[in-house]
């Protein structure tokens, strides 16, 4: 991942690879990487860096292709992954039917049986979230702890990428 960033691959390639590797490490079926941003009015929102393509039909595949790369944004944190964003808490849920934080899923969304959301932090601040679903044996605090170096690397890359994008934007404004 660091080589992709240093090699100046696109952000999309970097975060798609990051997500794929995390899904493989955890044995998860699908997931997402979001960056925590601030809107013009100061309200926080999540901006998609990478989302697994879980489309079940041509219509949902087209929607995914249009929205996933930097276009899908989430403003409502009253959801299963909300505590990861709002409080920096790791969210582990291995029984979705009994989860009071679960909101309705979009039409056509595959069933979520197990779920893990890890806040991405840099210098104590939440800068994003990486989440995954449907690990056959469920998620545990042990796997979260075992993968601490992975979460740290993901957070560092999200931070570095955001800094790089801000520098490019500033340089362009100065021209």
N, C-alpha and C. Protein backbone atom coordinates (compact mmCIF):
# COMPACT_ATOMS: atom_id res chain seq x y z
N UNK A 1 0.82 -1.20 0.00
CA UNK A 1 0.00 0.00 0.00
C UNK A 1 0.85 1.25 0.00
N UNK A 2 1.90 1.22 0.81
CA UNK A 2 2.79 2.38 0.85
C UNK A 2 3.48 2.57 -0.50
N UNK A 3 3.81 1.48 -1.15
CA UNK A 3 4.44 1.58 -2.47
C UNK A 3 3.48 2.20 -3.48
N UNK A 4 2.21 1.86 -3.41
CA UNK A 4 1.21 2.46 -4.30
C UNK A 4 1.13 3.97 -4.07
N UNK A 5 1.13 4.37 -2.80
CA UNK A 5 1.04 5.79 -2.48
C UNK A 5 2.28 6.52 -2.96
N UNK A 6 3.45 5.97 -2.66
CA UNK A 6 4.71 6.60 -3.06
C UNK A 6 4.83 6.64 -4.57
N UNK A 7 4.36 5.57 -5.23
CA UNK A 7 4.42 5.49 -6.69
C UNK A 7 3.39 6.38 -7.36
N UNK A 8 2.65 7.14 -6.58
CA UNK A 8 1.67 8.10 -7.06
C UNK A 8 0.57 7.46 -7.90
N UNK A 9 0.16 6.26 -7.49
CA UNK A 9 -1.02 5.67 -8.11
C UNK A 9 -2.22 6.54 -7.74
N UNK A 10 -3.30 6.38 -8.44
CA UNK A 10 -4.49 7.16 -8.13
C UNK A 10 -5.01 6.78 -6.75
N UNK A 11 -5.71 7.72 -6.14
CA UNK A 11 -6.31 7.44 -4.84
C UNK A 11 -7.26 6.26 -4.94
N UNK A 12 -7.99 6.19 -6.05
CA UNK A 12 -8.94 5.09 -6.22
C UNK A 12 -8.21 3.74 -6.21
N UNK A 13 -7.11 3.64 -6.91
CA UNK A 13 -6.34 2.39 -6.93
C UNK A 13 -5.80 2.06 -5.55
N UNK A 14 -5.31 3.07 -4.86
CA UNK A 14 -4.77 2.89 -3.51
C UNK A 14 -5.84 2.35 -2.57
N UNK A 15 -6.98 3.01 -2.51
CA UNK A 15 -8.00 2.62 -1.54
C UNK A 15 -8.75 1.36 -1.94
N UNK A 16 -8.89 1.10 -3.24
CA UNK A 16 -9.46 -0.17 -3.67
C UNK A 16 -8.56 -1.33 -3.26
N UNK A 17 -7.25 -1.15 -3.42
CA UNK A 17 -6.30 -2.19 -3.02
C UNK A 17 -6.29 -2.36 -1.52
N UNK A 18 -6.34 -1.24 -0.79
CA UNK A 18 -6.39 -1.29 0.67
C UNK A 18 -7.59 -2.11 1.13
N UNK A 19 -8.76 -1.79 0.59
CA UNK A 19 -9.97 -2.49 0.98
C UNK A 19 -9.89 -3.97 0.63
N UNK A 20 -9.44 -4.29 -0.56
CA UNK A 20 -9.32 -5.68 -0.98
C UNK A 20 -8.41 -6.46 -0.04
N UNK A 21 -7.28 -5.87 0.33
CA UNK A 21 -6.34 -6.55 1.23
C UNK A 21 -6.94 -6.76 2.62
N UNK A 22 -7.65 -5.76 3.13
CA UNK A 22 -8.29 -5.91 4.44
C UNK A 22 -9.36 -6.98 4.39
N UNK A 23 -10.14 -7.00 3.31
CA UNK A 23 -11.17 -8.03 3.18
C UNK A 23 -10.54 -9.42 3.14
N UNK A 24 -9.42 -9.56 2.44
CA UNK A 24 -8.74 -10.84 2.38
C UNK A 24 -8.17 -11.24 3.74
N UNK A 25 -7.56 -10.28 4.43
CA UNK A 25 -6.99 -10.56 5.76
C UNK A 25 -8.05 -11.01 6.75
N UNK A 26 -9.23 -10.42 6.67
CA UNK A 26 -10.28 -10.72 7.64
C UNK A 26 -11.22 -11.82 7.18
N UNK A 27 -11.14 -12.20 5.91
CA UNK A 27 -12.06 -13.20 5.39
C UNK A 27 -13.47 -12.65 5.26
N UNK A 28 -13.59 -11.37 4.97
CA UNK A 28 -14.89 -10.70 4.86
C UNK A 28 -15.35 -10.69 3.41
N UNK A 29 -16.68 -10.63 3.22
CA UNK A 29 -17.23 -10.62 1.86
C UNK A 29 -17.18 -9.25 1.21
N UNK A 30 -17.46 -8.20 1.96
CA UNK A 30 -17.46 -6.86 1.38
C UNK A 30 -17.25 -5.81 2.46
N UNK A 31 -17.00 -4.57 2.02
CA UNK A 31 -16.76 -3.50 2.98
C UNK A 31 -16.60 -2.16 2.31
N UNK A 32 -16.12 -1.18 3.09
CA UNK A 32 -15.90 0.16 2.57
C UNK A 32 -14.82 0.88 3.35
N UNK A 33 -14.25 1.92 2.71
CA UNK A 33 -13.32 2.85 3.33
C UNK A 33 -13.89 4.24 3.08
N UNK A 34 -14.14 4.98 4.15
CA UNK A 34 -14.64 6.34 4.06
C UNK A 34 -13.69 7.29 4.79
N UNK A 35 -13.61 8.49 4.28
CA UNK A 35 -12.86 9.57 4.91
C UNK A 35 -13.84 10.48 5.62
N UNK A 36 -13.51 10.93 6.83
CA UNK A 36 -14.35 11.88 7.54
C UNK A 36 -13.99 13.28 7.07
N UNK A 37 -14.98 14.02 6.58
CA UNK A 37 -14.78 15.35 6.03
C UNK A 37 -15.71 16.34 6.74
N UNK A 38 -15.52 17.60 6.46
CA UNK A 38 -16.41 18.64 6.98
C UNK A 38 -17.03 19.38 5.79
N UNK A 39 -18.35 19.53 5.83
CA UNK A 39 -19.05 20.28 4.79
C UNK A 39 -18.78 21.77 5.00
N UNK A 40 -19.18 22.58 4.04
CA UNK A 40 -18.99 24.03 4.12
C UNK A 40 -19.59 24.62 5.39
N UNK A 41 -20.69 24.02 5.86
CA UNK A 41 -21.33 24.51 7.08
C UNK A 41 -20.74 23.91 8.35
N UNK A 42 -19.66 23.13 8.19
CA UNK A 42 -18.97 22.54 9.34
C UNK A 42 -19.50 21.18 9.76
N UNK A 43 -20.60 20.73 9.17
CA UNK A 43 -21.18 19.45 9.52
C UNK A 43 -20.30 18.31 9.00
N UNK A 44 -20.03 17.31 9.84
CA UNK A 44 -19.21 16.18 9.39
C UNK A 44 -19.99 15.27 8.47
N UNK A 45 -19.28 14.65 7.54
CA UNK A 45 -19.87 13.62 6.69
C UNK A 45 -18.77 12.66 6.28
N UNK A 46 -19.18 11.49 5.84
CA UNK A 46 -18.25 10.49 5.33
C UNK A 46 -18.25 10.53 3.82
N UNK A 47 -17.06 10.53 3.23
CA UNK A 47 -16.90 10.53 1.79
C UNK A 47 -16.24 9.21 1.38
N UNK A 48 -16.84 8.51 0.44
CA UNK A 48 -16.36 7.20 0.03
C UNK A 48 -15.00 7.29 -0.66
N UNK A 49 -14.05 6.52 -0.17
CA UNK A 49 -12.79 6.32 -0.88
C UNK A 49 -12.86 5.01 -1.65
N UNK A 50 -13.49 3.99 -1.07
CA UNK A 50 -13.63 2.70 -1.75
C UNK A 50 -14.81 1.95 -1.15
N UNK A 51 -15.60 1.34 -2.02
CA UNK A 51 -16.73 0.52 -1.61
C UNK A 51 -16.71 -0.74 -2.45
N UNK A 52 -16.84 -1.90 -1.78
CA UNK A 52 -16.92 -3.15 -2.53
C UNK A 52 -18.12 -3.11 -3.46
N UNK A 53 -17.94 -3.66 -4.63
CA UNK A 53 -19.07 -3.76 -5.56
C UNK A 53 -19.87 -5.00 -5.18
N UNK A 54 -21.01 -4.75 -4.54
CA UNK A 54 -21.86 -5.85 -4.11
C UNK A 54 -23.16 -5.88 -4.91
N UNK A 55 -23.09 -5.29 -6.10
CA UNK A 55 -24.27 -5.18 -6.94
C UNK A 55 -24.81 -6.56 -7.31
N UNK A 56 -26.12 -6.64 -7.26
CA UNK A 56 -26.78 -7.90 -7.58
C UNK A 56 -27.35 -7.93 -8.99
N UNK A 57 -27.54 -6.74 -9.59
CA UNK A 57 -28.12 -6.67 -10.92
C UNK A 57 -27.50 -5.49 -11.66
N UNK A 58 -27.86 -5.34 -12.93
CA UNK A 58 -27.26 -4.29 -13.77
C UNK A 58 -27.57 -2.88 -13.25
N UNK A 59 -28.79 -2.67 -12.77
CA UNK A 59 -29.17 -1.35 -12.26
C UNK A 59 -28.35 -0.98 -11.02
N UNK A 60 -28.22 -1.89 -10.08
CA UNK A 60 -27.45 -1.57 -8.87
C UNK A 60 -25.96 -1.48 -9.18
N UNK A 61 -25.50 -2.22 -10.17
CA UNK A 61 -24.09 -2.13 -10.59
C UNK A 61 -23.80 -0.75 -11.18
N UNK A 62 -24.72 -0.24 -11.98
CA UNK A 62 -24.54 1.09 -12.57
C UNK A 62 -24.56 2.16 -11.48
N UNK A 63 -25.44 2.00 -10.49
CA UNK A 63 -25.50 2.95 -9.38
C UNK A 63 -24.18 2.93 -8.61
N UNK A 64 -23.66 1.74 -8.33
CA UNK A 64 -22.38 1.61 -7.62
C UNK A 64 -21.27 2.29 -8.41
N UNK A 65 -21.20 2.00 -9.69
CA UNK A 65 -20.13 2.56 -10.53
C UNK A 65 -20.17 4.08 -10.57
N UNK A 66 -21.39 4.63 -10.51
CA UNK A 66 -21.54 6.08 -10.55
C UNK A 66 -21.19 6.71 -9.20
N UNK A 67 -21.60 6.09 -8.11
CA UNK A 67 -21.51 6.72 -6.80
C UNK A 67 -20.26 6.37 -5.99
N UNK A 68 -19.73 5.18 -6.12
CA UNK A 68 -18.69 4.71 -5.21
C UNK A 68 -17.41 5.54 -5.21
N UNK A 69 -16.81 5.84 -6.33
CA UNK A 69 -15.51 6.52 -6.27
C UNK A 69 -15.64 8.01 -5.94
N UNK A 70 -15.67 8.31 -4.65
CA UNK A 70 -15.68 9.70 -4.21
C UNK A 70 -17.03 10.37 -4.29
N UNK A 71 -18.07 9.66 -4.70
CA UNK A 71 -19.36 10.29 -4.87
C UNK A 71 -20.37 9.93 -3.80
N UNK A 72 -20.18 8.82 -3.12
CA UNK A 72 -21.13 8.41 -2.11
C UNK A 72 -20.77 9.06 -0.78
N UNK A 73 -21.72 9.78 -0.23
CA UNK A 73 -21.48 10.49 1.01
C UNK A 73 -22.56 10.12 2.02
N UNK A 74 -22.16 10.08 3.29
CA UNK A 74 -23.08 9.73 4.37
C UNK A 74 -23.05 10.85 5.41
N UNK A 75 -24.23 11.37 5.72
CA UNK A 75 -24.35 12.44 6.71
C UNK A 75 -25.02 11.96 7.99
N UNK A 76 -25.67 10.81 7.94
CA UNK A 76 -26.42 10.28 9.08
C UNK A 76 -25.56 9.24 9.79
N UNK A 77 -25.16 9.53 11.01
CA UNK A 77 -24.31 8.61 11.77
C UNK A 77 -25.11 7.81 12.80
N UNK A 78 -26.44 7.80 12.67
CA UNK A 78 -27.28 6.97 13.53
C UNK A 78 -27.45 5.62 12.84
N UNK A 79 -26.35 4.92 12.75
CA UNK A 79 -26.31 3.68 11.99
C UNK A 79 -25.40 2.70 12.71
N UNK A 80 -25.27 1.54 12.14
CA UNK A 80 -24.44 0.52 12.74
C UNK A 80 -23.01 0.98 12.93
N UNK A 81 -22.45 1.71 11.98
CA UNK A 81 -21.06 2.14 12.10
C UNK A 81 -20.93 3.51 12.77
N UNK A 82 -22.05 4.13 13.15
CA UNK A 82 -22.04 5.45 13.76
C UNK A 82 -21.09 5.62 14.93
N UNK A 83 -21.06 4.68 15.91
CA UNK A 83 -20.14 4.86 17.04
C UNK A 83 -18.67 4.91 16.63
N UNK A 84 -18.32 4.28 15.53
CA UNK A 84 -16.93 4.34 15.06
C UNK A 84 -16.58 5.76 14.64
N UNK A 85 -17.55 6.46 14.05
CA UNK A 85 -17.33 7.82 13.56
C UNK A 85 -17.51 8.83 14.68
N UNK A 86 -18.56 8.69 15.46
CA UNK A 86 -18.88 9.69 16.48
C UNK A 86 -17.99 9.59 17.71
N UNK A 87 -17.68 8.37 18.15
CA UNK A 87 -16.98 8.18 19.42
C UNK A 87 -15.64 7.48 19.28
N UNK A 88 -15.28 7.09 18.08
CA UNK A 88 -14.02 6.37 17.90
C UNK A 88 -14.03 4.96 18.45
N UNK A 89 -15.21 4.37 18.55
CA UNK A 89 -15.35 3.02 19.08
C UNK A 89 -15.32 1.99 17.95
N UNK A 90 -14.64 0.89 18.21
CA UNK A 90 -14.72 -0.25 17.30
C UNK A 90 -16.12 -0.85 17.44
N UNK A 91 -16.77 -1.15 16.33
CA UNK A 91 -18.11 -1.74 16.35
C UNK A 91 -18.00 -3.18 15.88
N UNK A 92 -18.41 -4.09 16.74
CA UNK A 92 -18.47 -5.51 16.39
C UNK A 92 -19.90 -5.96 16.59
N UNK A 93 -20.48 -6.54 15.54
CA UNK A 93 -21.84 -7.04 15.62
C UNK A 93 -21.91 -8.37 14.89
N UNK A 94 -22.15 -9.41 15.66
CA UNK A 94 -22.22 -10.75 15.07
C UNK A 94 -23.62 -11.31 15.03
N UNK A 95 -24.61 -10.48 15.31
CA UNK A 95 -26.01 -10.90 15.25
C UNK A 95 -26.84 -9.71 14.81
N UNK A 96 -26.94 -9.49 13.51
CA UNK A 96 -27.60 -8.30 12.97
C UNK A 96 -29.08 -8.21 13.31
N UNK A 97 -29.76 -9.31 13.41
CA UNK A 97 -31.20 -9.23 13.65
C UNK A 97 -31.53 -8.64 15.02
N UNK A 98 -30.59 -8.71 15.96
CA UNK A 98 -30.82 -8.18 17.30
C UNK A 98 -30.16 -6.82 17.53
N UNK A 99 -29.63 -6.19 16.49
CA UNK A 99 -28.88 -4.96 16.67
C UNK A 99 -29.79 -3.75 16.58
N UNK A 100 -29.90 -2.99 17.68
CA UNK A 100 -30.79 -1.83 17.73
C UNK A 100 -30.27 -0.66 16.89
N UNK A 101 -28.97 -0.63 16.55
CA UNK A 101 -28.41 0.47 15.76
C UNK A 101 -28.60 0.24 14.27
N UNK A 102 -29.01 -0.94 13.88
CA UNK A 102 -29.13 -1.25 12.46
C UNK A 102 -30.30 -0.50 11.85
N UNK A 103 -30.04 0.20 10.78
CA UNK A 103 -31.10 0.89 10.04
C UNK A 103 -31.43 0.05 8.82
N UNK A 104 -32.50 0.38 8.17
CA UNK A 104 -32.89 -0.34 6.97
C UNK A 104 -31.81 -0.26 5.90
N UNK A 105 -31.65 -1.32 5.19
CA UNK A 105 -30.64 -1.38 4.13
C UNK A 105 -31.28 -0.94 2.82
N UNK A 106 -30.46 -0.37 1.92
CA UNK A 106 -31.00 0.00 0.61
C UNK A 106 -31.54 -1.22 -0.12
N UNK A 107 -32.51 -1.01 -0.98
CA UNK A 107 -33.09 -2.10 -1.77
C UNK A 107 -31.99 -2.83 -2.54
N UNK A 108 -32.03 -4.15 -2.49
CA UNK A 108 -31.07 -4.95 -3.23
C UNK A 108 -29.76 -5.20 -2.49
N UNK A 109 -29.60 -4.60 -1.30
CA UNK A 109 -28.35 -4.77 -0.55
C UNK A 109 -28.32 -6.18 0.02
N UNK A 110 -27.19 -6.87 -0.14
CA UNK A 110 -27.08 -8.22 0.44
C UNK A 110 -27.23 -8.19 1.95
N UNK A 111 -27.64 -9.29 2.49
CA UNK A 111 -27.83 -9.44 3.93
C UNK A 111 -26.48 -9.27 4.64
N UNK A 112 -26.51 -8.59 5.78
CA UNK A 112 -25.33 -8.48 6.62
C UNK A 112 -25.55 -9.37 7.83
N UNK A 113 -24.72 -10.39 7.97
CA UNK A 113 -24.82 -11.30 9.11
C UNK A 113 -23.88 -10.87 10.24
N UNK A 114 -22.65 -10.50 9.87
CA UNK A 114 -21.67 -10.05 10.85
C UNK A 114 -21.05 -8.75 10.34
N UNK A 115 -20.59 -7.90 11.26
CA UNK A 115 -20.13 -6.58 10.86
C UNK A 115 -19.02 -6.10 11.78
N UNK A 116 -18.05 -5.40 11.19
CA UNK A 116 -16.96 -4.78 11.94
C UNK A 116 -16.68 -3.41 11.35
N UNK A 117 -16.65 -2.38 12.20
CA UNK A 117 -16.26 -1.03 11.78
C UNK A 117 -15.12 -0.57 12.69
N UNK A 118 -14.03 -0.12 12.07
CA UNK A 118 -12.87 0.34 12.80
C UNK A 118 -12.63 1.81 12.47
N UNK A 119 -12.62 2.67 13.51
CA UNK A 119 -12.32 4.07 13.23
C UNK A 119 -10.86 4.21 12.84
N UNK A 120 -10.60 5.04 11.86
CA UNK A 120 -9.22 5.34 11.46
C UNK A 120 -8.84 6.65 12.13
N UNK A 121 -7.77 6.60 12.92
CA UNK A 121 -7.37 7.76 13.70
C UNK A 121 -5.96 8.19 13.34
N UNK A 122 -5.76 9.51 13.40
CA UNK A 122 -4.42 10.08 13.23
C UNK A 122 -4.24 11.13 14.32
N UNK A 123 -3.21 10.93 15.11
CA UNK A 123 -2.91 11.83 16.23
C UNK A 123 -4.13 12.05 17.12
N UNK A 124 -4.86 10.97 17.37
CA UNK A 124 -6.00 11.01 18.26
C UNK A 124 -7.31 11.48 17.65
N UNK A 125 -7.29 11.91 16.41
CA UNK A 125 -8.50 12.39 15.73
C UNK A 125 -9.02 11.34 14.77
N UNK A 126 -10.34 11.22 14.72
CA UNK A 126 -10.97 10.29 13.78
C UNK A 126 -10.93 10.94 12.40
N UNK A 127 -10.33 10.24 11.44
CA UNK A 127 -10.21 10.78 10.08
C UNK A 127 -10.97 9.93 9.06
N UNK A 128 -11.51 8.81 9.51
CA UNK A 128 -12.24 7.94 8.60
C UNK A 128 -12.69 6.68 9.29
N UNK A 129 -13.21 5.78 8.51
CA UNK A 129 -13.66 4.49 9.04
C UNK A 129 -13.48 3.44 7.94
N UNK A 130 -13.09 2.26 8.37
CA UNK A 130 -13.04 1.12 7.47
C UNK A 130 -13.96 0.06 8.07
N UNK A 131 -14.82 -0.49 7.24
CA UNK A 131 -15.79 -1.46 7.73
C UNK A 131 -15.87 -2.65 6.79
N UNK A 132 -16.27 -3.76 7.36
CA UNK A 132 -16.39 -4.98 6.58
C UNK A 132 -17.54 -5.82 7.13
N UNK A 133 -18.01 -6.72 6.30
CA UNK A 133 -19.17 -7.53 6.69
C UNK A 133 -19.02 -8.97 6.23
N UNK A 134 -19.73 -9.82 6.96
CA UNK A 134 -19.92 -11.22 6.63
C UNK A 134 -18.66 -12.07 6.65
N UNK A 135 -17.95 -11.99 7.76
CA UNK A 135 -16.87 -12.94 8.03
C UNK A 135 -17.55 -14.19 8.57
N UNK A 136 -17.25 -15.31 7.99
CA UNK A 136 -17.97 -16.55 8.30
C UNK A 136 -18.00 -16.86 9.79
N UNK A 137 -16.89 -16.64 10.50
CA UNK A 137 -16.82 -16.96 11.92
C UNK A 137 -17.09 -15.74 12.81
N UNK A 138 -17.53 -14.64 12.22
CA UNK A 138 -17.80 -13.44 12.99
C UNK A 138 -16.52 -12.68 13.31
N UNK A 139 -16.68 -11.56 14.00
CA UNK A 139 -15.56 -10.69 14.35
C UNK A 139 -15.36 -10.71 15.87
N UNK A 140 -14.16 -10.41 16.29
CA UNK A 140 -13.85 -10.40 17.72
C UNK A 140 -12.83 -9.32 18.03
N UNK A 141 -12.70 -8.99 19.31
CA UNK A 141 -11.69 -8.04 19.74
C UNK A 141 -10.28 -8.55 19.40
N UNK A 142 -10.12 -9.87 19.40
CA UNK A 142 -8.80 -10.45 19.08
C UNK A 142 -8.36 -10.11 17.67
N UNK A 143 -9.26 -10.24 16.69
CA UNK A 143 -8.86 -9.93 15.31
C UNK A 143 -8.60 -8.43 15.15
N UNK A 144 -9.37 -7.62 15.86
CA UNK A 144 -9.14 -6.17 15.80
C UNK A 144 -7.75 -5.86 16.33
N UNK A 145 -7.40 -6.43 17.48
CA UNK A 145 -6.08 -6.18 18.09
C UNK A 145 -4.97 -6.74 17.21
N UNK A 146 -5.16 -7.93 16.68
CA UNK A 146 -4.16 -8.57 15.82
C UNK A 146 -3.85 -7.70 14.59
N UNK A 147 -4.85 -7.00 14.09
CA UNK A 147 -4.68 -6.18 12.89
C UNK A 147 -4.42 -4.70 13.19
N UNK A 148 -4.09 -4.37 14.44
CA UNK A 148 -3.77 -2.97 14.79
C UNK A 148 -2.77 -2.33 13.82
N UNK A 149 -1.68 -3.02 13.44
CA UNK A 149 -0.75 -2.39 12.49
C UNK A 149 -1.40 -2.09 11.13
N UNK A 150 -2.36 -2.89 10.73
CA UNK A 150 -3.06 -2.66 9.46
C UNK A 150 -3.93 -1.41 9.58
N UNK A 151 -4.68 -1.30 10.69
CA UNK A 151 -5.54 -0.12 10.88
C UNK A 151 -4.68 1.15 10.93
N UNK A 152 -3.52 1.06 11.60
CA UNK A 152 -2.63 2.21 11.70
C UNK A 152 -2.12 2.61 10.31
N UNK A 153 -1.75 1.63 9.51
CA UNK A 153 -1.28 1.92 8.15
C UNK A 153 -2.39 2.54 7.32
N UNK A 154 -3.58 2.00 7.43
CA UNK A 154 -4.73 2.56 6.69
C UNK A 154 -4.95 4.01 7.08
N UNK A 155 -4.91 4.29 8.38
CA UNK A 155 -5.12 5.66 8.85
C UNK A 155 -4.03 6.60 8.34
N UNK A 156 -2.79 6.14 8.38
CA UNK A 156 -1.68 6.97 7.90
C UNK A 156 -1.84 7.28 6.41
N UNK A 157 -2.27 6.31 5.65
CA UNK A 157 -2.44 6.53 4.21
C UNK A 157 -3.62 7.45 3.90
N UNK A 158 -4.71 7.32 4.65
CA UNK A 158 -5.83 8.24 4.48
C UNK A 158 -5.37 9.66 4.80
N UNK A 159 -4.65 9.82 5.89
CA UNK A 159 -4.15 11.14 6.29
C UNK A 159 -3.20 11.70 5.23
N UNK A 160 -2.25 10.89 4.79
CA UNK A 160 -1.27 11.34 3.80
C UNK A 160 -1.96 11.71 2.48
N UNK A 161 -2.92 10.90 2.08
CA UNK A 161 -3.64 11.18 0.83
C UNK A 161 -4.42 12.49 0.92
N UNK A 162 -5.10 12.70 2.04
CA UNK A 162 -5.86 13.94 2.22
C UNK A 162 -4.91 15.14 2.20
N UNK A 163 -3.76 15.02 2.84
CA UNK A 163 -2.77 16.11 2.82
C UNK A 163 -2.27 16.37 1.40
N UNK A 164 -2.02 15.30 0.67
CA UNK A 164 -1.54 15.43 -0.71
C UNK A 164 -2.59 16.14 -1.57
N UNK A 165 -3.85 15.75 -1.44
CA UNK A 165 -4.93 16.39 -2.20
C UNK A 165 -5.08 17.87 -1.84
N UNK A 166 -4.96 18.17 -0.55
CA UNK A 166 -5.07 19.57 -0.11
C UNK A 166 -3.92 20.40 -0.67
N UNK A 167 -2.72 19.83 -0.71
CA UNK A 167 -1.56 20.54 -1.28
C UNK A 167 -1.77 20.81 -2.77
N UNK A 168 -2.26 19.82 -3.48
CA UNK A 168 -2.54 20.00 -4.91
C UNK A 168 -3.57 21.11 -5.11
N UNK A 169 -4.63 21.09 -4.30
CA UNK A 169 -5.68 22.10 -4.41
C UNK A 169 -5.10 23.50 -4.13
N UNK A 170 -4.29 23.61 -3.10
CA UNK A 170 -3.68 24.90 -2.74
C UNK A 170 -2.73 25.38 -3.84
N UNK A 171 -1.92 24.48 -4.36
CA UNK A 171 -0.99 24.83 -5.45
C UNK A 171 -1.75 25.32 -6.67
N UNK A 172 -2.86 24.67 -7.01
CA UNK A 172 -3.66 25.09 -8.16
C UNK A 172 -4.31 26.45 -7.95
N UNK A 173 -4.71 26.73 -6.71
CA UNK A 173 -5.31 28.02 -6.42
C UNK A 173 -4.29 29.15 -6.50
N UNK A 174 -3.04 28.84 -6.22
CA UNK A 174 -1.98 29.85 -6.26
C UNK A 174 -1.50 30.16 -7.66
N UNK A 175 -1.84 29.30 -8.61
CA UNK A 175 -1.41 29.50 -10.00
C UNK A 175 -2.22 30.54 -10.70
